[in-house]
């Protein structure tokens, strides 16, 4: 929760992604869960989307990503469910 709150405080756009287990992280393709949550300010909303993705794909890895518009790159990314 604190990492997601930090990303939101930085003004980064949160997103949720998922991929199949058993593939190396660098060699796999991460599928985006819905669209990025542009301008989202609620940690609870982001957590709810992470949980919804995990419920939909219980056998897949789920990660949180925060996109930095200024640097035009990922500001943060980490796996939430293995």
PDB file of N, CA and C in Angstrom:
ATOM      1  N   UNK A   1       0.823  -1.202   0.000  1.00  0.00           N
ATOM      2  CA  UNK A   1       0.000   0.000   0.000  1.00  0.00           C
ATOM      3  C   UNK A   1       0.860   1.256   0.000  1.00  0.00           C
ATOM      4  N   UNK A   2       1.945   1.231   0.771  1.00  0.00           N
ATOM      5  CA  UNK A   2       2.775   2.435   0.859  1.00  0.00           C
ATOM      6  C   UNK A   2       3.497   2.717  -0.452  1.00  0.00           C
ATOM      7  N   UNK A   3       3.901   1.667  -1.151  1.00  0.00           N
ATOM      8  CA  UNK A   3       4.567   1.876  -2.443  1.00  0.00           C
ATOM      9  C   UNK A   3       3.588   2.444  -3.466  1.00  0.00           C
ATOM     10  N   UNK A   4       2.360   1.959  -3.456  1.00  0.00           N
ATOM     11  CA  UNK A   4       1.344   2.483  -4.368  1.00  0.00           C
ATOM     12  C   UNK A   4       1.024   3.926  -4.009  1.00  0.00           C
ATOM     13  N   UNK A   5       0.913   4.223  -2.716  1.00  0.00           N
ATOM     14  CA  UNK A   5       0.661   5.600  -2.276  1.00  0.00           C
ATOM     15  C   UNK A   5       1.793   6.523  -2.714  1.00  0.00           C
ATOM     16  N   UNK A   6       3.033   6.038  -2.638  1.00  0.00           N
ATOM     17  CA  UNK A   6       4.177   6.840  -3.078  1.00  0.00           C
ATOM     18  C   UNK A   6       4.087   7.127  -4.577  1.00  0.00           C
ATOM     19  N   UNK A   7       3.745   6.116  -5.364  1.00  0.00           N
ATOM     20  CA  UNK A   7       3.626   6.304  -6.816  1.00  0.00           C
ATOM     21  C   UNK A   7       2.548   7.330  -7.144  1.00  0.00           C
ATOM     22  N   UNK A   8       1.416   7.252  -6.463  1.00  0.00           N
ATOM     23  CA  UNK A   8       0.332   8.211  -6.688  1.00  0.00           C
ATOM     24  C   UNK A   8       0.769   9.611  -6.285  1.00  0.00           C
ATOM     25  N   UNK A   9       1.484   9.717  -5.155  1.00  0.00           N
ATOM     26  CA  UNK A   9       1.966  11.021  -4.692  1.00  0.00           C
ATOM     27  C   UNK A   9       2.940  11.651  -5.685  1.00  0.00           C
ATOM     28  N   UNK A  10       3.667  10.819  -6.439  1.00  0.00           N
ATOM     29  CA  UNK A  10       4.596  11.326  -7.450  1.00  0.00           C
ATOM     30  C   UNK A  10       3.869  11.795  -8.706  1.00  0.00           C
ATOM     31  N   UNK A  11       2.568  11.503  -8.797  1.00  0.00           N
ATOM     32  CA  UNK A  11       1.803  11.870  -9.982  1.00  0.00           C
ATOM     33  C   UNK A  11       1.888  10.838 -11.091  1.00  0.00           C
ATOM     34  N   UNK A  12       2.390   9.644 -10.765  1.00  0.00           N
ATOM     35  CA  UNK A  12       2.515   8.591 -11.762  1.00  0.00           C
ATOM     36  C   UNK A  12       1.168   7.904 -11.963  1.00  0.00           C
ATOM     37  N   UNK A  13       0.936   7.395 -13.168  1.00  0.00           N
ATOM     38  CA  UNK A  13      -0.313   6.713 -13.492  1.00  0.00           C
ATOM     39  C   UNK A  13      -0.185   5.223 -13.209  1.00  0.00           C
ATOM     40  N   UNK A  14      -1.008   4.703 -12.291  1.00  0.00           N
ATOM     41  CA  UNK A  14      -0.925   3.283 -11.961  1.00  0.00           C
ATOM     42  C   UNK A  14      -1.558   2.398 -13.027  1.00  0.00           C
ATOM     43  N   UNK A  15      -1.049   1.176 -13.115  1.00  0.00           N
ATOM     44  CA  UNK A  15      -1.600   0.174 -14.027  1.00  0.00           C
ATOM     45  C   UNK A  15      -1.353  -1.206 -13.420  1.00  0.00           C
ATOM     46  N   UNK A  16      -2.117  -2.178 -13.900  1.00  0.00           N
ATOM     47  CA  UNK A  16      -1.989  -3.560 -13.438  1.00  0.00           C
ATOM     48  C   UNK A  16      -1.738  -4.431 -14.662  1.00  0.00           C
ATOM     49  N   UNK A  17      -0.786  -5.357 -14.547  1.00  0.00           N
ATOM     50  CA  UNK A  17      -0.454  -6.270 -15.643  1.00  0.00           C
ATOM     51  C   UNK A  17      -0.388  -7.696 -15.111  1.00  0.00           C
ATOM     52  N   UNK A  18      -0.522  -8.671 -16.015  1.00  0.00           N
ATOM     53  CA  UNK A  18      -0.441 -10.080 -15.622  1.00  0.00           C
ATOM     54  C   UNK A  18       0.260 -10.875 -16.718  1.00  0.00           C
ATOM     55  N   UNK A  19       0.840 -12.014 -16.320  1.00  0.00           N
ATOM     56  CA  UNK A  19       1.515 -12.907 -17.265  1.00  0.00           C
ATOM     57  C   UNK A  19       1.471 -14.334 -16.732  1.00  0.00           C
ATOM     58  N   UNK A  20       1.757 -15.283 -17.606  1.00  0.00           N
ATOM     59  CA  UNK A  20       1.767 -16.688 -17.220  1.00  0.00           C
ATOM     60  C   UNK A  20       2.943 -16.976 -16.292  1.00  0.00           C
ATOM     61  N   UNK A  21       2.731 -17.878 -15.363  1.00  0.00           N
ATOM     62  CA  UNK A  21       3.819 -18.305 -14.479  1.00  0.00           C
ATOM     63  C   UNK A  21       4.750 -19.233 -15.237  1.00  0.00           C
ATOM     64  N   UNK A  22       5.974 -19.338 -14.750  1.00  0.00           N
ATOM     65  CA  UNK A  22       6.915 -20.280 -15.327  1.00  0.00           C
ATOM     66  C   UNK A  22       7.754 -19.720 -16.459  1.00  0.00           C
ATOM     67  N   UNK A  23       7.499 -18.477 -16.868  1.00  0.00           N
ATOM     68  CA  UNK A  23       8.315 -17.861 -17.911  1.00  0.00           C
ATOM     69  C   UNK A  23       9.255 -16.858 -17.253  1.00  0.00           C
ATOM     70  N   UNK A  24      10.483 -16.779 -17.707  1.00  0.00           N
ATOM     71  CA  UNK A  24      11.401 -15.795 -17.131  1.00  0.00           C
ATOM     72  C   UNK A  24      10.825 -14.386 -17.275  1.00  0.00           C
ATOM     73  N   UNK A  25      10.960 -13.579 -16.236  1.00  0.00           N
ATOM     74  CA  UNK A  25      10.344 -12.246 -16.216  1.00  0.00           C
ATOM     75  C   UNK A  25      10.778 -11.386 -17.400  1.00  0.00           C
ATOM     76  N   UNK A  26      12.035 -11.483 -17.802  1.00  0.00           N
ATOM     77  CA  UNK A  26      12.515 -10.643 -18.901  1.00  0.00           C
ATOM     78  C   UNK A  26      12.093 -11.176 -20.264  1.00  0.00           C
ATOM     79  N   UNK A  27      11.745 -12.461 -20.344  1.00  0.00           N
ATOM     80  CA  UNK A  27      11.411 -13.064 -21.632  1.00  0.00           C
ATOM     81  C   UNK A  27       9.904 -13.163 -21.857  1.00  0.00           C
ATOM     82  N   UNK A  28       9.118 -12.794 -20.860  1.00  0.00           N
ATOM     83  CA  UNK A  28       7.672 -12.952 -20.981  1.00  0.00           C
ATOM     84  C   UNK A  28       7.006 -11.638 -21.391  1.00  0.00           C
ATOM     85  N   UNK A  29       5.794 -11.782 -21.871  1.00  0.00           N
ATOM     86  CA  UNK A  29       4.992 -10.615 -22.238  1.00  0.00           C
ATOM     87  C   UNK A  29       3.976 -10.378 -21.129  1.00  0.00           C
ATOM     88  N   UNK A  30       3.905  -9.159 -20.636  1.00  0.00           N
ATOM     89  CA  UNK A  30       2.943  -8.805 -19.601  1.00  0.00           C
ATOM     90  C   UNK A  30       1.715  -8.201 -20.273  1.00  0.00           C
ATOM     91  N   UNK A  31       0.556  -8.790 -20.002  1.00  0.00           N
ATOM     92  CA  UNK A  31      -0.702  -8.303 -20.557  1.00  0.00           C
ATOM     93  C   UNK A  31      -1.277  -7.232 -19.634  1.00  0.00           C
ATOM     94  N   UNK A  32      -1.751  -6.141 -20.209  1.00  0.00           N
ATOM     95  CA  UNK A  32      -2.313  -5.077 -19.395  1.00  0.00           C
ATOM     96  C   UNK A  32      -3.726  -5.445 -18.965  1.00  0.00           C
ATOM     97  N   UNK A  33      -4.009  -5.236 -17.695  1.00  0.00           N
ATOM     98  CA  UNK A  33      -5.349  -5.435 -17.146  1.00  0.00           C
ATOM     99  C   UNK A  33      -6.096  -4.116 -17.313  1.00  0.00           C
ATOM    100  N   UNK A  34      -7.059  -4.106 -18.189  1.00  0.00           N
ATOM    101  CA  UNK A  34      -7.818  -2.892 -18.505  1.00  0.00           C
ATOM    102  C   UNK A  34      -6.856  -1.814 -19.003  1.00  0.00           C
ATOM    103  N   UNK A  35      -7.234  -0.557 -18.844  1.00  0.00           N
ATOM    104  CA  UNK A  35      -6.367   0.565 -19.207  1.00  0.00           C
ATOM    105  C   UNK A  35      -5.655   1.064 -17.959  1.00  0.00           C
ATOM    106  N   UNK A  36      -4.566   1.827 -18.113  1.00  0.00           N
ATOM    107  CA  UNK A  36      -3.964   2.435 -16.926  1.00  0.00           C
ATOM    108  C   UNK A  36      -4.999   3.305 -16.211  1.00  0.00           C
ATOM    109  N   UNK A  37      -4.841   3.424 -14.915  1.00  0.00           N
ATOM    110  CA  UNK A  37      -5.775   4.202 -14.098  1.00  0.00           C
ATOM    111  C   UNK A  37      -5.329   5.664 -14.095  1.00  0.00           C
ATOM    112  N   UNK A  38      -5.517   6.330 -15.220  1.00  0.00           N
ATOM    113  CA  UNK A  38      -5.031   7.696 -15.403  1.00  0.00           C
ATOM    114  C   UNK A  38      -5.581   8.629 -14.328  1.00  0.00           C
ATOM    115  N   UNK A  39      -4.687   9.284 -13.599  1.00  0.00           N
ATOM    116  CA  UNK A  39      -5.078  10.274 -12.605  1.00  0.00           C
ATOM    117  C   UNK A  39      -5.700   9.715 -11.342  1.00  0.00           C
ATOM    118  N   UNK A  40      -5.627   8.423 -11.145  1.00  0.00           N
ATOM    119  CA  UNK A  40      -6.249   7.822  -9.952  1.00  0.00           C
ATOM    120  C   UNK A  40      -5.527   8.286  -8.690  1.00  0.00           C
ATOM    121  N   UNK A  41      -6.294   8.693  -7.679  1.00  0.00           N
ATOM    122  CA  UNK A  41      -5.732   9.193  -6.430  1.00  0.00           C
ATOM    123  C   UNK A  41      -5.996   8.267  -5.245  1.00  0.00           C
ATOM    124  N   UNK A  42      -6.770   7.214  -5.455  1.00  0.00           N
ATOM    125  CA  UNK A  42      -7.160   6.326  -4.364  1.00  0.00           C
ATOM    126  C   UNK A  42      -6.351   5.025  -4.389  1.00  0.00           C
ATOM    127  N   UNK A  43      -5.649   4.774  -3.300  1.00  0.00           N
ATOM    128  CA  UNK A  43      -4.903   3.521  -3.171  1.00  0.00           C
ATOM    129  C   UNK A  43      -5.879   2.345  -3.142  1.00  0.00           C
ATOM    130  N   UNK A  44      -7.028   2.533  -2.499  1.00  0.00           N
ATOM    131  CA  UNK A  44      -8.017   1.460  -2.407  1.00  0.00           C
ATOM    132  C   UNK A  44      -8.532   1.042  -3.781  1.00  0.00           C
ATOM    133  N   UNK A  45      -8.726   1.999  -4.680  1.00  0.00           N
ATOM    134  CA  UNK A  45      -9.182   1.684  -6.036  1.00  0.00           C
ATOM    135  C   UNK A  45      -8.130   0.863  -6.772  1.00  0.00           C
ATOM    136  N   UNK A  46      -6.873   1.242  -6.631  1.00  0.00           N
ATOM    137  CA  UNK A  46      -5.784   0.502  -7.283  1.00  0.00           C
ATOM    138  C   UNK A  46      -5.695  -0.909  -6.704  1.00  0.00           C
ATOM    139  N   UNK A  47      -5.783  -1.020  -5.382  1.00  0.00           N
ATOM    140  CA  UNK A  47      -5.739  -2.336  -4.743  1.00  0.00           C
ATOM    141  C   UNK A  47      -6.911  -3.205  -5.206  1.00  0.00           C
ATOM    142  N   UNK A  48      -8.078  -2.603  -5.377  1.00  0.00           N
ATOM    143  CA  UNK A  48      -9.247  -3.354  -5.848  1.00  0.00           C
ATOM    144  C   UNK A  48      -9.019  -3.890  -7.257  1.00  0.00           C
ATOM    145  N   UNK A  49      -8.370  -3.114  -8.111  1.00  0.00           N
ATOM    146  CA  UNK A  49      -8.070  -3.577  -9.474  1.00  0.00           C
ATOM    147  C   UNK A  49      -7.035  -4.704  -9.457  1.00  0.00           C
ATOM    148  N   UNK A  50      -6.059  -4.611  -8.567  1.00  0.00           N
ATOM    149  CA  UNK A  50      -5.069  -5.687  -8.425  1.00  0.00           C
ATOM    150  C   UNK A  50      -5.769  -6.972  -7.988  1.00  0.00           C
ATOM    151  N   UNK A  51      -6.659  -6.859  -7.009  1.00  0.00           N
ATOM    152  CA  UNK A  51      -7.404  -8.026  -6.526  1.00  0.00           C
ATOM    153  C   UNK A  51      -8.307  -8.600  -7.613  1.00  0.00           C
ATOM    154  N   UNK A  52      -8.965  -7.732  -8.388  1.00  0.00           N
ATOM    155  CA  UNK A  52      -9.850  -8.195  -9.463  1.00  0.00           C
ATOM    156  C   UNK A  52      -9.060  -8.953 -10.526  1.00  0.00           C
ATOM    157  N   UNK A  53      -7.885  -8.454 -10.863  1.00  0.00           N
ATOM    158  CA  UNK A  53      -7.031  -9.129 -11.839  1.00  0.00           C
ATOM    159  C   UNK A  53      -6.607 -10.496 -11.305  1.00  0.00           C
ATOM    160  N   UNK A  54      -6.244 -10.546 -10.031  1.00  0.00           N
ATOM    161  CA  UNK A  54      -5.828 -11.816  -9.429  1.00  0.00           C
ATOM    162  C   UNK A  54      -6.983 -12.819  -9.389  1.00  0.00           C
ATOM    163  N   UNK A  55      -8.194 -12.349  -9.109  1.00  0.00           N
ATOM    164  CA  UNK A  55      -9.364 -13.241  -9.119  1.00  0.00           C
ATOM    165  C   UNK A  55      -9.636 -13.779 -10.522  1.00  0.00           C
ATOM    166  N   UNK A  56      -9.464 -12.923 -11.537  1.00  0.00           N
ATOM    167  CA  UNK A  56      -9.714 -13.331 -12.926  1.00  0.00           C
ATOM    168  C   UNK A  56      -8.644 -14.302 -13.436  1.00  0.00           C
ATOM    169  N   UNK A  57      -7.399 -14.097 -12.998  1.00  0.00           N
ATOM    170  CA  UNK A  57      -6.265 -14.927 -13.438  1.00  0.00           C
ATOM    171  C   UNK A  57      -5.509 -15.459 -12.215  1.00  0.00           C
ATOM    172  N   UNK A  58      -6.117 -16.382 -11.459  1.00  0.00           N
ATOM    173  CA  UNK A  58      -5.488 -16.838 -10.207  1.00  0.00           C
ATOM    174  C   UNK A  58      -4.189 -17.615 -10.410  1.00  0.00           C
ATOM    175  N   UNK A  59      -3.972 -18.164 -11.598  1.00  0.00           N
ATOM    176  CA  UNK A  59      -2.764 -18.947 -11.852  1.00  0.00           C
ATOM    177  C   UNK A  59      -1.675 -18.143 -12.546  1.00  0.00           C
ATOM    178  N   UNK A  60      -1.841 -16.832 -12.618  1.00  0.00           N
ATOM    179  CA  UNK A  60      -0.848 -15.994 -13.290  1.00  0.00           C
ATOM    180  C   UNK A  60      -0.218 -15.008 -12.309  1.00  0.00           C
ATOM    181  N   UNK A  61       0.951 -14.503 -12.689  1.00  0.00           N
ATOM    182  CA  UNK A  61       1.603 -13.475 -11.889  1.00  0.00           C
ATOM    183  C   UNK A  61       0.935 -12.133 -12.195  1.00  0.00           C
ATOM    184  N   UNK A  62       0.808 -11.304 -11.166  1.00  0.00           N
ATOM    185  CA  UNK A  62       0.191  -9.980 -11.304  1.00  0.00           C
ATOM    186  C   UNK A  62       1.187  -8.958 -10.782  1.00  0.00           C
ATOM    187  N   UNK A  63       1.364  -7.871 -11.531  1.00  0.00           N
ATOM    188  CA  UNK A  63       2.277  -6.829 -11.059  1.00  0.00           C
ATOM    189  C   UNK A  63       1.630  -5.455 -11.153  1.00  0.00           C
ATOM    190  N   UNK A  64       2.132  -4.561 -10.321  1.00  0.00           N
ATOM    191  CA  UNK A  64       1.740  -3.156 -10.311  1.00  0.00           C
ATOM    192  C   UNK A  64       2.801  -2.376 -11.072  1.00  0.00           C
ATOM    193  N   UNK A  65       2.361  -1.453 -11.913  1.00  0.00           N
ATOM    194  CA  UNK A  65       3.275  -0.599 -12.673  1.00  0.00           C
ATOM    195  C   UNK A  65       2.801   0.841 -12.518  1.00  0.00           C
ATOM    196  N   UNK A  66       3.742   1.762 -12.372  1.00  0.00           N
ATOM    197  CA  UNK A  66       3.411   3.185 -12.312  1.00  0.00           C
ATOM    198  C   UNK A  66       4.181   3.898 -13.418  1.00  0.00           C
ATOM    199  N   UNK A  67       3.445   4.563 -14.297  1.00  0.00           N
ATOM    200  CA  UNK A  67       4.051   5.242 -15.443  1.00  0.00           C
ATOM    201  C   UNK A  67       4.295   6.718 -15.132  1.00  0.00           C
ATOM    202  N   UNK A  68       5.523   7.156 -15.377  1.00  0.00           N
ATOM    203  CA  UNK A  68       5.937   8.542 -15.168  1.00  0.00           C
ATOM    204  C   UNK A  68       5.794   9.292 -16.489  1.00  0.00           C
ATOM    205  N   UNK A  69       4.818  10.193 -16.563  1.00  0.00           N
ATOM    206  CA  UNK A  69       4.585  10.939 -17.806  1.00  0.00           C
ATOM    207  C   UNK A  69       5.759  11.836 -18.169  1.00  0.00           C
ATOM    208  N   UNK A  70       6.414  12.419 -17.174  1.00  0.00           N
ATOM    209  CA  UNK A  70       7.507  13.352 -17.444  1.00  0.00           C
ATOM    210  C   UNK A  70       8.701  12.629 -18.067  1.00  0.00           C
ATOM    211  N   UNK A  71       9.121  11.530 -17.458  1.00  0.00           N
ATOM    212  CA  UNK A  71      10.266  10.767 -17.968  1.00  0.00           C
ATOM    213  C   UNK A  71       9.862   9.833 -19.106  1.00  0.00           C
ATOM    214  N   UNK A  72       8.567   9.673 -19.317  1.00  0.00           N
ATOM    215  CA  UNK A  72       8.022   8.780 -20.342  1.00  0.00           C
ATOM    216  C   UNK A  72       8.576   7.364 -20.193  1.00  0.00           C
ATOM    217  N   UNK A  73       8.502   6.876 -18.963  1.00  0.00           N
ATOM    218  CA  UNK A  73       8.975   5.525 -18.655  1.00  0.00           C
ATOM    219  C   UNK A  73       8.249   5.025 -17.410  1.00  0.00           C
ATOM    220  N   UNK A  74       8.581   3.817 -17.009  1.00  0.00           N
ATOM    221  CA  UNK A  74       8.034   3.295 -15.765  1.00  0.00           C
ATOM    222  C   UNK A  74       8.772   3.919 -14.595  1.00  0.00           C
ATOM    223  N   UNK A  75       8.026   4.462 -13.663  1.00  0.00           N
ATOM    224  CA  UNK A  75       8.633   5.003 -12.452  1.00  0.00           C
ATOM    225  C   UNK A  75       8.822   3.919 -11.403  1.00  0.00           C
ATOM    226  N   UNK A  76       7.977   2.896 -11.477  1.00  0.00           N
ATOM    227  CA  UNK A  76       8.005   1.827 -10.488  1.00  0.00           C
ATOM    228  C   UNK A  76       7.278   0.611 -11.053  1.00  0.00           C
ATOM    229  N   UNK A  77       7.741  -0.565 -10.706  1.00  0.00           N
ATOM    230  CA  UNK A  77       7.048  -1.801 -11.076  1.00  0.00           C
ATOM    231  C   UNK A  77       7.463  -2.896 -10.097  1.00  0.00           C
ATOM    232  N   UNK A  78       6.488  -3.664  -9.631  1.00  0.00           N
ATOM    233  CA  UNK A  78       6.800  -4.791  -8.755  1.00  0.00           C
ATOM    234  C   UNK A  78       5.702  -5.844  -8.844  1.00  0.00           C
ATOM    235  N   UNK A  79       6.088  -7.092  -8.617  1.00  0.00           N
ATOM    236  CA  UNK A  79       5.153  -8.211  -8.661  1.00  0.00           C
ATOM    237  C   UNK A  79       4.389  -8.256  -7.342  1.00  0.00           C
ATOM    238  N   UNK A  80       3.065  -8.356  -7.443  1.00  0.00           N
ATOM    239  CA  UNK A  80       2.212  -8.418  -6.263  1.00  0.00           C
ATOM    240  C   UNK A  80       1.842  -9.867  -5.947  1.00  0.00           C
ATOM    241  N   UNK A  81       1.508 -10.641  -6.967  1.00  0.00           N
ATOM    242  CA  UNK A  81       1.160 -12.059  -6.804  1.00  0.00           C
ATOM    243  C   UNK A  81       2.046 -12.903  -7.699  1.00  0.00           C
ATOM    244  N   UNK A  82       2.670 -13.924  -7.111  1.00  0.00           N
ATOM    245  CA  UNK A  82       3.465 -14.872  -7.885  1.00  0.00           C
ATOM    246  C   UNK A  82       2.625 -16.054  -8.124  1.00  0.00           C
TER     247      UNK A  82
END
